[in-house]
C-alpha atoms as a PDB file:
ATOM      1  CA  UNK A   1     -24.657  45.699 -13.499  1.00  0.00           C
ATOM      2  CA  UNK A   2     -20.563  46.212 -12.804  1.00  0.00           C
ATOM      3  CA  UNK A   3     -18.336  43.423 -12.799  1.00  0.00           C
ATOM      4  CA  UNK A   4     -17.302  44.464  -9.503  1.00  0.00           C
ATOM      5  CA  UNK A   5     -20.845  44.483  -7.783  1.00  0.00           C
ATOM      6  CA  UNK A   6     -21.535  41.016  -9.183  1.00  0.00           C
ATOM      7  CA  UNK A   7     -18.339  39.392  -7.652  1.00  0.00           C
ATOM      8  CA  UNK A   8     -19.537  41.229  -4.273  1.00  0.00           C
ATOM      9  CA  UNK A   9     -23.004  40.055  -4.533  1.00  0.00           C
ATOM     10  CA  UNK A  10     -21.924  36.437  -5.340  1.00  0.00           C
ATOM     11  CA  UNK A  11     -19.557  36.679  -2.158  1.00  0.00           C
ATOM     12  CA  UNK A  12     -22.494  37.745  -0.193  1.00  0.00           C
ATOM     13  CA  UNK A  13     -24.709  34.307  -1.702  1.00  0.00           C
ATOM     14  CA  UNK A  14     -21.899  32.011  -1.285  1.00  0.00           C
ATOM     15  CA  UNK A  15     -21.659  33.119   2.343  1.00  0.00           C
ATOM     16  CA  UNK A  16     -25.377  32.898   3.331  1.00  0.00           C
ATOM     17  CA  UNK A  17     -25.424  29.472   1.479  1.00  0.00           C
ATOM     18  CA  UNK A  18     -22.043  28.101   3.164  1.00  0.00           C
ATOM     19  CA  UNK A  19     -24.064  29.383   6.266  1.00  0.00           C
ATOM     20  CA  UNK A  20     -27.163  27.486   5.892  1.00  0.00           C
ATOM     21  CA  UNK A  21     -25.031  24.346   4.450  1.00  0.00           C
ATOM     22  CA  UNK A  22     -23.295  24.271   7.996  1.00  0.00           C
ATOM     23  CA  UNK A  23     -26.412  24.258  10.085  1.00  0.00           C
ATOM     24  CA  UNK A  24     -27.876  21.540   7.622  1.00  0.00           C
ATOM     25  CA  UNK A  25     -24.702  19.451   8.067  1.00  0.00           C
ATOM     26  CA  UNK A  26     -24.399  20.720  12.007  1.00  0.00           C
ATOM     27  CA  UNK A  27     -28.481  19.089  12.205  1.00  0.00           C
ATOM     28  CA  UNK A  28     -27.785  16.178  10.709  1.00  0.00           C
ATOM     29  CA  UNK A  29     -25.038  14.921  12.216  1.00  0.00           C
ATOM     30  CA  UNK A  30     -27.271  15.521  15.825  1.00  0.00           C
ATOM     31  CA  UNK A  31     -30.540  14.051  14.483  1.00  0.00           C
ATOM     32  CA  UNK A  32     -27.725  10.690  13.218  1.00  0.00           C
ATOM     33  CA  UNK A  33     -28.788   7.403  14.930  1.00  0.00           C
ATOM     34  CA  UNK A  34     -26.240   6.299  17.083  1.00  0.00           C
ATOM     35  CA  UNK A  35     -24.383   8.301  20.033  1.00  0.00           C
ATOM     36  CA  UNK A  36     -20.556   9.143  19.943  1.00  0.00           C
ATOM     37  CA  UNK A  37     -20.495   8.090  23.520  1.00  0.00           C
ATOM     38  CA  UNK A  38     -21.692   4.693  22.935  1.00  0.00           C
ATOM     39  CA  UNK A  39     -18.063   4.413  20.526  1.00  0.00           C
ATOM     40  CA  UNK A  40     -16.407   5.624  23.560  1.00  0.00           C
ATOM     41  CA  UNK A  41     -17.177   3.346  25.891  1.00  0.00           C
ATOM     42  CA  UNK A  42     -16.802   0.784  23.243  1.00  0.00           C
ATOM     43  CA  UNK A  43     -19.589  -1.552  23.775  1.00  0.00           C
ATOM     44  CA  UNK A  44     -18.501  -1.424  27.758  1.00  0.00           C
ATOM     45  CA  UNK A  45     -21.034  -0.570  30.524  1.00  0.00           C
ATOM     46  CA  UNK A  46     -20.328   2.605  32.132  1.00  0.00           C
ATOM     47  CA  UNK A  47     -21.815   3.939  35.665  1.00  0.00           C
ATOM     48  CA  UNK A  48     -24.550   7.577  35.317  1.00  0.00           C
ATOM     49  CA  UNK A  49     -21.464   9.541  36.060  1.00  0.00           C
ATOM     50  CA  UNK A  50     -19.025   8.498  33.474  1.00  0.00           C
ATOM     51  CA  UNK A  51     -21.717   9.123  31.133  1.00  0.00           C
ATOM     52  CA  UNK A  52     -22.080  12.234  32.197  1.00  0.00           C
ATOM     53  CA  UNK A  53     -18.281  13.034  32.399  1.00  0.00           C
ATOM     54  CA  UNK A  54     -18.488  12.246  28.382  1.00  0.00           C
ATOM     55  CA  UNK A  55     -21.193  13.818  27.732  1.00  0.00           C
ATOM     56  CA  UNK A  56     -19.616  17.305  29.361  1.00  0.00           C
ATOM     57  CA  UNK A  57     -16.252  16.789  27.894  1.00  0.00           C
ATOM     58  CA  UNK A  58     -17.572  16.630  24.379  1.00  0.00           C
ATOM     59  CA  UNK A  59     -20.833  19.035  25.175  1.00  0.00           C
ATOM     60  CA  UNK A  60     -23.330  16.416  23.901  1.00  0.00           C
ATOM     61  CA  UNK A  61     -25.879  17.285  27.312  1.00  0.00           C
ATOM     62  CA  UNK A  62     -26.096  20.910  26.005  1.00  0.00           C
ATOM     63  CA  UNK A  63     -29.460  21.555  23.662  1.00  0.00           C
ATOM     64  CA  UNK A  64     -28.759  21.794  19.927  1.00  0.00           C
ATOM     65  CA  UNK A  65     -28.896  26.002  19.395  1.00  0.00           C
ATOM     66  CA  UNK A  66     -25.947  26.223  21.945  1.00  0.00           C
ATOM     67  CA  UNK A  67     -23.986  22.901  20.369  1.00  0.00           C
ATOM     68  CA  UNK A  68     -24.413  24.937  17.366  1.00  0.00           C
ATOM     69  CA  UNK A  69     -23.303  28.030  18.400  1.00  0.00           C
ATOM     70  CA  UNK A  70     -20.292  26.819  20.067  1.00  0.00           C
ATOM     71  CA  UNK A  71     -19.252  24.921  16.992  1.00  0.00           C
ATOM     72  CA  UNK A  72     -19.787  27.614  14.271  1.00  0.00           C
ATOM     73  CA  UNK A  73     -17.782  29.720  16.281  1.00  0.00           C
ATOM     74  CA  UNK A  74     -14.917  27.452  16.592  1.00  0.00           C
ATOM     75  CA  UNK A  75     -14.912  26.714  12.977  1.00  0.00           C
ATOM     76  CA  UNK A  76     -15.055  30.087  11.756  1.00  0.00           C
ATOM     77  CA  UNK A  77     -11.697  30.585  14.064  1.00  0.00           C
ATOM     78  CA  UNK A  78     -10.163  27.687  12.348  1.00  0.00           C
ATOM     79  CA  UNK A  79     -11.264  25.148  15.407  1.00  0.00           C
ATOM     80  CA  UNK A  80     -12.933  21.855  14.212  1.00  0.00           C
ATOM     81  CA  UNK A  81     -13.197  20.335  17.404  1.00  0.00           C
ATOM     82  CA  UNK A  82     -11.408  17.353  18.539  1.00  0.00           C
ATOM     83  CA  UNK A  83     -11.769  13.880  17.331  1.00  0.00           C
ATOM     84  CA  UNK A  84     -13.239  11.526  18.820  1.00  0.00           C
ATOM     85  CA  UNK A  85     -11.314   8.658  17.103  1.00  0.00           C
ATOM     86  CA  UNK A  86      -8.133   9.614  17.220  1.00  0.00           C
ATOM     87  CA  UNK A  87      -8.141  11.348  20.164  1.00  0.00           C
ATOM     88  CA  UNK A  88      -6.962  14.500  18.396  1.00  0.00           C
ATOM     89  CA  UNK A  89      -7.432  17.817  16.920  1.00  0.00           C
ATOM     90  CA  UNK A  90      -9.398  17.473  13.927  1.00  0.00           C
ATOM     91  CA  UNK A  91      -7.672  20.649  12.353  1.00  0.00           C
ATOM     92  CA  UNK A  92      -4.812  18.420  12.482  1.00  0.00           C
ATOM     93  CA  UNK A  93      -6.224  15.257  11.162  1.00  0.00           C
ATOM     94  CA  UNK A  94      -7.331  17.222   8.076  1.00  0.00           C
ATOM     95  CA  UNK A  95      -3.264  18.809   7.792  1.00  0.00           C
ATOM     96  CA  UNK A  96      -1.870  16.125   7.556  1.00  0.00           C
ATOM     97  CA  UNK A  97      -4.670  13.676   4.641  1.00  0.00           C
ATOM     98  CA  UNK A  98      -5.561  17.020   2.760  1.00  0.00           C
ATOM     99  CA  UNK A  99      -2.967  17.528   0.764  1.00  0.00           C
ATOM    100  CA  UNK A 100      -2.799  14.037  -0.489  1.00  0.00           C
ATOM    101  CA  UNK A 101      -6.279  14.562  -1.382  1.00  0.00           C
ATOM    102  CA  UNK A 102      -5.941  18.106  -3.138  1.00  0.00           C
ATOM    103  CA  UNK A 103      -2.626  16.546  -5.081  1.00  0.00           C
ATOM    104  CA  UNK A 104      -5.099  14.214  -6.252  1.00  0.00           C
ATOM    105  CA  UNK A 105      -8.113  15.964  -6.980  1.00  0.00           C
ATOM    106  CA  UNK A 106      -5.563  18.216  -9.280  1.00  0.00           C
ATOM    107  CA  UNK A 107      -3.543  15.439 -10.831  1.00  0.00           C
ATOM    108  CA  UNK A 108      -7.162  14.128 -11.963  1.00  0.00           C
ATOM    109  CA  UNK A 109      -8.439  17.461 -13.434  1.00  0.00           C
ATOM    110  CA  UNK A 110      -5.114  18.384 -15.666  1.00  0.00           C
ATOM    111  CA  UNK A 111      -6.163  14.957 -16.955  1.00  0.00           C
ATOM    112  CA  UNK A 112      -9.795  15.697 -17.633  1.00  0.00           C
ATOM    113  CA  UNK A 113      -8.955  18.983 -18.772  1.00  0.00           C
ATOM    114  CA  UNK A 114      -5.941  17.616 -20.939  1.00  0.00           C
ATOM    115  CA  UNK A 115      -7.919  14.247 -22.250  1.00  0.00           C
ATOM    116  CA  UNK A 116     -11.499  16.317 -22.472  1.00  0.00           C
ATOM    117  CA  UNK A 117     -11.062  18.928 -24.188  1.00  0.00           C
ATOM    118  CA  UNK A 118      -8.739  17.259 -26.820  1.00  0.00           C
ATOM    119  CA  UNK A 119     -11.211  14.279 -27.630  1.00  0.00           C
ATOM    120  CA  UNK A 120     -13.640  16.507 -27.748  1.00  0.00           C
ATOM    121  CA  UNK A 121     -11.921  19.022 -30.369  1.00  0.00           C
ATOM    122  CA  UNK A 122     -10.442  16.396 -32.533  1.00  0.00           C
ATOM    123  CA  UNK A 123     -14.044  14.619 -32.594  1.00  0.00           C
ATOM    124  CA  UNK A 124     -15.939  17.559 -34.041  1.00  0.00           C
ATOM    125  CA  UNK A 125     -13.079  18.816 -36.318  1.00  0.00           C
ATOM    126  CA  UNK A 126     -12.144  16.034 -37.615  1.00  0.00           C
ATOM    127  CA  UNK A 127     -15.300  13.842 -38.202  1.00  0.00           C
ATOM    128  CA  UNK A 128     -15.364  10.414 -39.696  1.00  0.00           C
ATOM    129  CA  UNK A 129     -13.185   7.489 -38.081  1.00  0.00           C
ATOM    130  CA  UNK A 130     -11.864   9.270 -35.676  1.00  0.00           C
ATOM    131  CA  UNK A 131     -15.003  11.112 -34.432  1.00  0.00           C
ATOM    132  CA  UNK A 132     -16.808   7.271 -34.337  1.00  0.00           C
ATOM    133  CA  UNK A 133     -13.635   6.333 -32.225  1.00  0.00           C
ATOM    134  CA  UNK A 134     -14.147   9.226 -29.673  1.00  0.00           C
ATOM    135  CA  UNK A 135     -17.886   8.504 -29.537  1.00  0.00           C
ATOM    136  CA  UNK A 136     -17.102   4.627 -28.557  1.00  0.00           C
ATOM    137  CA  UNK A 137     -14.294   5.366 -26.604  1.00  0.00           C
ATOM    138  CA  UNK A 138     -16.121   7.961 -24.475  1.00  0.00           C
ATOM    139  CA  UNK A 139     -19.286   6.105 -23.813  1.00  0.00           C
ATOM    140  CA  UNK A 140     -17.189   3.456 -22.430  1.00  0.00           C
ATOM    141  CA  UNK A 141     -15.569   5.522 -20.255  1.00  0.00           C
ATOM    142  CA  UNK A 142     -19.077   7.123 -19.555  1.00  0.00           C
ATOM    143  CA  UNK A 143     -20.379   3.385 -18.615  1.00  0.00           C
ATOM    144  CA  UNK A 144     -17.339   2.462 -16.610  1.00  0.00           C
ATOM    145  CA  UNK A 145     -17.973   3.489 -12.425  1.00  0.00           C
ATOM    146  CA  UNK A 146     -14.832   5.081 -10.247  1.00  0.00           C
ATOM    147  CA  UNK A 147     -14.581   2.192  -8.330  1.00  0.00           C
ATOM    148  CA  UNK A 148     -14.735  -0.378 -11.183  1.00  0.00           C
ATOM    149  CA  UNK A 149     -12.190   1.574 -13.003  1.00  0.00           C
ATOM    150  CA  UNK A 150     -10.057   1.620  -9.670  1.00  0.00           C
ATOM    151  CA  UNK A 151     -10.073  -2.640  -9.364  1.00  0.00           C
ATOM    152  CA  UNK A 152      -9.317  -3.020 -13.148  1.00  0.00           C
ATOM    153  CA  UNK A 153      -6.491  -0.653 -13.403  1.00  0.00           C
ATOM    154  CA  UNK A 154      -5.304  -1.856  -9.547  1.00  0.00           C
ATOM    155  CA  UNK A 155      -5.292  -5.655 -11.162  1.00  0.00           C
ATOM    156  CA  UNK A 156      -3.824  -4.679 -14.479  1.00  0.00           C
ATOM    157  CA  UNK A 157      -1.251  -2.516 -13.879  1.00  0.00           C
ATOM    158  CA  UNK A 158       0.145  -2.901 -10.455  1.00  0.00           C
ATOM    159  CA  UNK A 159      -0.523  -6.357  -9.473  1.00  0.00           C
ATOM    160  CA  UNK A 160      -0.159  -7.882 -13.048  1.00  0.00           C
ATOM    161  CA  UNK A 161       2.100  -5.597 -14.536  1.00  0.00           C
ATOM    162  CA  UNK A 162       4.053  -4.252 -11.436  1.00  0.00           C
ATOM    163  CA  UNK A 163       4.081  -0.644 -13.394  1.00  0.00           C
ATOM    164  CA  UNK A 164       2.690   1.210  -9.794  1.00  0.00           C
ATOM    165  CA  UNK A 165       2.132   0.449  -6.364  1.00  0.00           C
ATOM    166  CA  UNK A 166      -1.416  -1.335  -5.448  1.00  0.00           C
ATOM    167  CA  UNK A 167      -1.834   1.890  -2.604  1.00  0.00           C
ATOM    168  CA  UNK A 168      -0.571   4.340  -0.582  1.00  0.00           C
ATOM    169  CA  UNK A 169       0.648   7.577  -0.634  1.00  0.00           C
ATOM    170  CA  UNK A 170       4.253   7.126  -0.624  1.00  0.00           C
ATOM    171  CA  UNK A 171       6.988   9.989   0.840  1.00  0.00           C
ATOM    172  CA  UNK A 172       8.110  13.212  -1.182  1.00  0.00           C
ATOM    173  CA  UNK A 173       6.402  15.045  -4.079  1.00  0.00           C
ATOM    174  CA  UNK A 174       7.729  12.071  -6.718  1.00  0.00           C
ATOM    175  CA  UNK A 175       6.580   9.365  -4.323  1.00  0.00           C
ATOM    176  CA  UNK A 176       3.643  10.736  -4.501  1.00  0.00           C
ATOM    177  CA  UNK A 177       2.918  11.160  -7.954  1.00  0.00           C
ATOM    178  CA  UNK A 178       3.918   8.025  -8.625  1.00  0.00           C
ATOM    179  CA  UNK A 179       1.189   6.189  -5.964  1.00  0.00           C
ATOM    180  CA  UNK A 180      -1.127   8.748  -6.746  1.00  0.00           C
ATOM    181  CA  UNK A 181      -1.001   8.315 -11.055  1.00  0.00           C
ATOM    182  CA  UNK A 182      -3.770   4.893 -10.962  1.00  0.00           C
ATOM    183  CA  UNK A 183      -6.323   6.664  -8.353  1.00  0.00           C
ATOM    184  CA  UNK A 184      -5.820   9.744 -10.728  1.00  0.00           C
ATOM    185  CA  UNK A 185      -6.719   8.095 -13.843  1.00  0.00           C
ATOM    186  CA  UNK A 186      -9.948   6.190 -11.822  1.00  0.00           C
ATOM    187  CA  UNK A 187     -11.222   9.383 -10.827  1.00  0.00           C
ATOM    188  CA  UNK A 188     -10.771  11.347 -14.031  1.00  0.00           C
ATOM    189  CA  UNK A 189     -12.071   8.373 -16.474  1.00  0.00           C
ATOM    190  CA  UNK A 190     -16.060   9.148 -16.264  1.00  0.00           C
ATOM    191  CA  UNK A 191     -15.273  12.733 -16.509  1.00  0.00           C
ATOM    192  CA  UNK A 192     -12.873  12.817 -19.570  1.00  0.00           C
ATOM    193  CA  UNK A 193     -15.718  11.083 -21.372  1.00  0.00           C
ATOM    194  CA  UNK A 194     -18.523  13.693 -20.277  1.00  0.00           C
ATOM    195  CA  UNK A 195     -15.893  16.639 -20.721  1.00  0.00           C
ATOM    196  CA  UNK A 196     -15.308  15.305 -24.369  1.00  0.00           C
ATOM    197  CA  UNK A 197     -18.865  14.480 -25.374  1.00  0.00           C
ATOM    198  CA  UNK A 198     -19.630  18.304 -24.101  1.00  0.00           C
ATOM    199  CA  UNK A 199     -16.885  20.005 -26.122  1.00  0.00           C
ATOM    200  CA  UNK A 200     -17.885  17.907 -29.084  1.00  0.00           C
ATOM    201  CA  UNK A 201     -21.441  18.722 -28.981  1.00  0.00           C
ATOM    202  CA  UNK A 202     -20.810  23.045 -28.183  1.00  0.00           C
ATOM    203  CA  UNK A 203     -18.465  22.904 -30.860  1.00  0.00           C
ATOM    204  CA  UNK A 204     -20.061  21.393 -33.460  1.00  0.00           C
ATOM    205  CA  UNK A 205     -23.153  23.772 -32.394  1.00  0.00           C
ATOM    206  CA  UNK A 206     -21.011  26.345 -33.399  1.00  0.00           C
ATOM    207  CA  UNK A 207     -19.555  25.123 -36.144  1.00  0.00           C
ATOM    208  CA  UNK A 208     -22.645  25.508 -38.189  1.00  0.00           C
ATOM    209  CA  UNK A 209     -23.606  29.497 -36.747  1.00  0.00           C
ATOM    210  CA  UNK A 210     -23.410  32.322 -39.752  1.00  0.00           C
ATOM    211  CA  UNK A 211     -20.509  33.700 -38.280  1.00  0.00           C
ATOM    212  CA  UNK A 212     -18.051  30.477 -38.843  1.00  0.00           C
ATOM    213  CA  UNK A 213     -19.177  30.368 -42.752  1.00  0.00           C
ATOM    214  CA  UNK A 214     -18.629  34.293 -42.812  1.00  0.00           C
ATOM    215  CA  UNK A 215     -15.438  33.465 -41.637  1.00  0.00           C
ATOM    216  CA  UNK A 216     -14.708  30.653 -44.249  1.00  0.00           C
ATOM    217  CA  UNK A 217     -15.725  32.633 -46.895  1.00  0.00           C
ATOM    218  CA  UNK A 218     -13.225  35.589 -46.260  1.00  0.00           C
ATOM    219  CA  UNK A 219     -10.596  32.942 -46.594  1.00  0.00           C
ATOM    220  CA  UNK A 220      -9.371  33.031 -42.827  1.00  0.00           C
ATOM    221  CA  UNK A 221      -7.147  29.755 -42.351  1.00  0.00           C
ATOM    222  CA  UNK A 222      -9.094  26.725 -40.809  1.00  0.00           C
ATOM    223  CA  UNK A 223      -6.891  26.231 -38.096  1.00  0.00           C
ATOM    224  CA  UNK A 224      -7.946  29.742 -37.283  1.00  0.00           C
ATOM    225  CA  UNK A 225     -11.126  29.491 -37.721  1.00  0.00           C
ATOM    226  CA  UNK A 226     -12.080  26.190 -34.619  1.00  0.00           C
ATOM    227  CA  UNK A 227      -9.489  28.212 -32.494  1.00  0.00           C
ATOM    228  CA  UNK A 228     -11.050  32.068 -32.554  1.00  0.00           C
ATOM    229  CA  UNK A 229     -14.342  31.247 -34.011  1.00  0.00           C
ATOM    230  CA  UNK A 230     -14.979  28.067 -33.072  1.00  0.00           C
ATOM    231  CA  UNK A 231     -13.272  26.704 -29.617  1.00  0.00           C
ATOM    232  CA  UNK A 232     -13.672  30.553 -28.098  1.00  0.00           C
ATOM    233  CA  UNK A 233     -17.326  30.717 -28.631  1.00  0.00           C
ATOM    234  CA  UNK A 234     -17.588  26.823 -26.895  1.00  0.00           C
ATOM    235  CA  UNK A 235     -15.876  27.692 -24.023  1.00  0.00           C
ATOM    236  CA  UNK A 236     -18.723  29.023 -21.829  1.00  0.00           C
ATOM    237  CA  UNK A 237     -20.906  25.660 -22.398  1.00  0.00           C
ATOM    238  CA  UNK A 238     -17.662  23.487 -21.381  1.00  0.00           C
ATOM    239  CA  UNK A 239     -16.516  25.826 -18.601  1.00  0.00           C
ATOM    240  CA  UNK A 240     -20.194  25.312 -16.962  1.00  0.00           C
ATOM    241  CA  UNK A 241     -19.604  22.244 -16.920  1.00  0.00           C
ATOM    242  CA  UNK A 242     -16.234  22.673 -14.760  1.00  0.00           C
ATOM    243  CA  UNK A 243     -18.322  22.860 -11.495  1.00  0.00           C
ATOM    244  CA  UNK A 244     -20.098  19.598 -12.154  1.00  0.00           C
ATOM    245  CA  UNK A 245     -16.896  18.124 -13.122  1.00  0.00           C
ATOM    246  CA  UNK A 246     -15.313  19.307  -9.015  1.00  0.00           C
ATOM    247  CA  UNK A 247     -18.306  18.415  -7.025  1.00  0.00           C
ATOM    248  CA  UNK A 248     -18.180  14.782  -8.947  1.00  0.00           C
ATOM    249  CA  UNK A 249     -14.583  14.788  -8.088  1.00  0.00           C
ATOM    250  CA  UNK A 250     -14.935  15.118  -4.622  1.00  0.00           C
ATOM    251  CA  UNK A 251     -17.783  12.638  -4.334  1.00  0.00           C
ATOM    252  CA  UNK A 252     -15.974   9.990  -6.213  1.00  0.00           C
ATOM    253  CA  UNK A 253     -12.341  10.926  -4.248  1.00  0.00           C
ATOM    254  CA  UNK A 254     -13.924   9.387  -1.312  1.00  0.00           C
ATOM    255  CA  UNK A 255     -14.426   5.623  -3.139  1.00  0.00           C
ATOM    256  CA  UNK A 256     -11.082   6.286  -4.942  1.00  0.00           C
ATOM    257  CA  UNK A 257      -8.967   6.853  -1.729  1.00  0.00           C
ATOM    258  CA  UNK A 258     -10.588   3.779  -0.189  1.00  0.00           C
ATOM    259  CA  UNK A 259     -10.007   1.585  -3.392  1.00  0.00           C
ATOM    260  CA  UNK A 260      -6.185   2.747  -3.471  1.00  0.00           C
ATOM    261  CA  UNK A 261      -5.529   2.920   0.947  1.00  0.00           C
ATOM    262  CA  UNK A 262      -4.683   6.715  -0.193  1.00  0.00           C
ATOM    263  CA  UNK A 263      -4.580   8.444   3.428  1.00  0.00           C
ATOM    264  CA  UNK A 264      -6.905  11.413   2.172  1.00  0.00           C
ATOM    265  CA  UNK A 265      -9.953  12.920   3.234  1.00  0.00           C
ATOM    266  CA  UNK A 266     -12.290  11.155   1.197  1.00  0.00           C
ATOM    267  CA  UNK A 267     -10.649   7.779   3.233  1.00  0.00           C
ATOM    268  CA  UNK A 268     -10.694   9.836   6.808  1.00  0.00           C
ATOM    269  CA  UNK A 269     -14.757  10.795   5.798  1.00  0.00           C
ATOM    270  CA  UNK A 270     -15.548   7.166   5.178  1.00  0.00           C
ATOM    271  CA  UNK A 271     -13.744   5.582   8.468  1.00  0.00           C
ATOM    272  CA  UNK A 272     -14.951   8.627  10.570  1.00  0.00           C
ATOM    273  CA  UNK A 273     -18.834   7.496   9.535  1.00  0.00           C
ATOM    274  CA  UNK A 274     -18.389   4.486  10.590  1.00  0.00           C
ATOM    275  CA  UNK A 275     -17.448   5.119  13.871  1.00  0.00           C
ATOM    276  CA  UNK A 276     -19.388   8.116  14.645  1.00  0.00           C
ATOM    277  CA  UNK A 277     -16.727  10.409  14.896  1.00  0.00           C
ATOM    278  CA  UNK A 278     -18.957  13.600  14.394  1.00  0.00           C
ATOM    279  CA  UNK A 279     -16.567  16.571  14.418  1.00  0.00           C
ATOM    280  CA  UNK A 280     -14.325  14.960  11.935  1.00  0.00           C
ATOM    281  CA  UNK A 281     -17.489  14.063   9.511  1.00  0.00           C
ATOM    282  CA  UNK A 282     -18.936  18.250   9.898  1.00  0.00           C
ATOM    283  CA  UNK A 283     -15.578  19.469   9.057  1.00  0.00           C
ATOM    284  CA  UNK A 284     -14.738  17.192   6.088  1.00  0.00           C
ATOM    285  CA  UNK A 285     -18.681  17.676   4.923  1.00  0.00           C
ATOM    286  CA  UNK A 286     -18.045  21.540   5.264  1.00  0.00           C
ATOM    287  CA  UNK A 287     -14.917  21.840   3.707  1.00  0.00           C
ATOM    288  CA  UNK A 288     -16.054  20.031   0.463  1.00  0.00           C
ATOM    289  CA  UNK A 289     -19.461  22.060   0.362  1.00  0.00           C
ATOM    290  CA  UNK A 290     -16.747  25.386   0.651  1.00  0.00           C
ATOM    291  CA  UNK A 291     -15.002  24.015  -2.289  1.00  0.00           C
ATOM    292  CA  UNK A 292     -17.731  23.173  -4.091  1.00  0.00           C
ATOM    293  CA  UNK A 293     -19.163  26.623  -3.543  1.00  0.00           C
ATOM    294  CA  UNK A 294     -15.401  28.421  -4.057  1.00  0.00           C
ATOM    295  CA  UNK A 295     -15.037  26.311  -7.649  1.00  0.00           C
ATOM    296  CA  UNK A 296     -18.860  27.613  -8.803  1.00  0.00           C
ATOM    297  CA  UNK A 297     -18.131  31.196  -7.581  1.00  0.00           C
ATOM    298  CA  UNK A 298     -14.730  30.991 -10.012  1.00  0.00           C
ATOM    299  CA  UNK A 299     -16.689  29.250 -12.900  1.00  0.00           C
ATOM    300  CA  UNK A 300     -19.590  32.251 -12.583  1.00  0.00           C
ATOM    301  CA  UNK A 301     -17.167  34.469 -12.141  1.00  0.00           C
ATOM    302  CA  UNK A 302     -14.990  33.686 -15.263  1.00  0.00           C
ATOM    303  CA  UNK A 303     -17.935  33.276 -17.572  1.00  0.00           C
ATOM    304  CA  UNK A 304     -18.709  36.762 -18.439  1.00  0.00           C
ATOM    305  CA  UNK A 305     -15.226  36.956 -19.416  1.00  0.00           C
ATOM    306  CA  UNK A 306     -14.774  34.161 -21.247  1.00  0.00           C
ATOM    307  CA  UNK A 307     -18.319  34.851 -23.502  1.00  0.00           C
ATOM    308  CA  UNK A 308     -19.465  38.501 -23.193  1.00  0.00           C
ATOM    309  CA  UNK A 309     -23.042  37.511 -24.141  1.00  0.00           C
ATOM    310  CA  UNK A 310     -23.559  36.606 -20.996  1.00  0.00           C
ATOM    311  CA  UNK A 311     -25.182  39.403 -18.461  1.00  0.00           C
ATOM    312  CA  UNK A 312     -24.106  40.495 -15.451  1.00  0.00           C
ATOM    313  CA  UNK A 313     -27.247  39.770 -12.423  1.00  0.00           C
ATOM    314  CA  UNK A 314     -30.715  38.335 -12.621  1.00  0.00           C
ATOM    315  CA  UNK A 315     -32.076  38.614 -16.521  1.00  0.00           C
ATOM    316  CA  UNK A 316     -34.780  41.193 -16.634  1.00  0.00           C
ATOM    317  CA  UNK A 317     -38.070  39.889 -17.045  1.00  0.00           C
ATOM    318  CA  UNK A 318     -39.971  40.087 -20.504  1.00  0.00           C
ATOM    319  CA  UNK A 319     -42.074  42.971 -21.445  1.00  0.00           C
END
């Protein structure tokens, strides 16, 4: 199978999966307990006429299939409906909050890749005390949930030392980077430990293979052996972990944004869930699923390019 055909097939599979996910997300919100109309009334009694008017305004009185078809048609055109809580377009809410969330996830991802790959490399190549120290450090990192790390970092570096703000997003790129440093570290800590362990294990496996021994016996410099024959052949395993890393970042950003009062879509999702703001919850859920699928698509497309041993398309049945 050619690479172009493989890429088109994966795109078609992603579109089909996204369509199924949209149905599940809308159905879950439809079946969820509670009614948006009750939030709009804020506990006040309303006449049947007023209740019918609210249901008609948000199309809550229509059958499920009609509501889903209407919602999906709007989403395709970039219209996620109107927020019940904020009384404004959901698209505008997302446009205001998505940049800070994407910047936060990007900063955390850079930290994860830089620290995780470096620690894994050092642990596999040097061994000894350095490897033992990295194993202990990564064990502590993996055992520390993001919300616990957020509290520890906030208490030490923001409250006690006053090096960073306790919360908020800030104005301008420089202020945003400063405000999001602690949340990014809290997000990245667990994943740094995980990626370091995966990188170390993958490199140790390749270090024992025959082609590495042959390269050393031919007098190839050790740093070239590690870079060209060990680290490069380990990238397939490390790359596969990339999808899991990004999905974990998307999920845990809800907790970290709430802990640091970052005005991103994670905090918006939490507030919208508690107020039964179904249009906003549906939009954020669908965007998170789309981001997760896009990352996995990129991983699937990059994997054969990084590791030529990976076959394109489904595996053939053994004879």
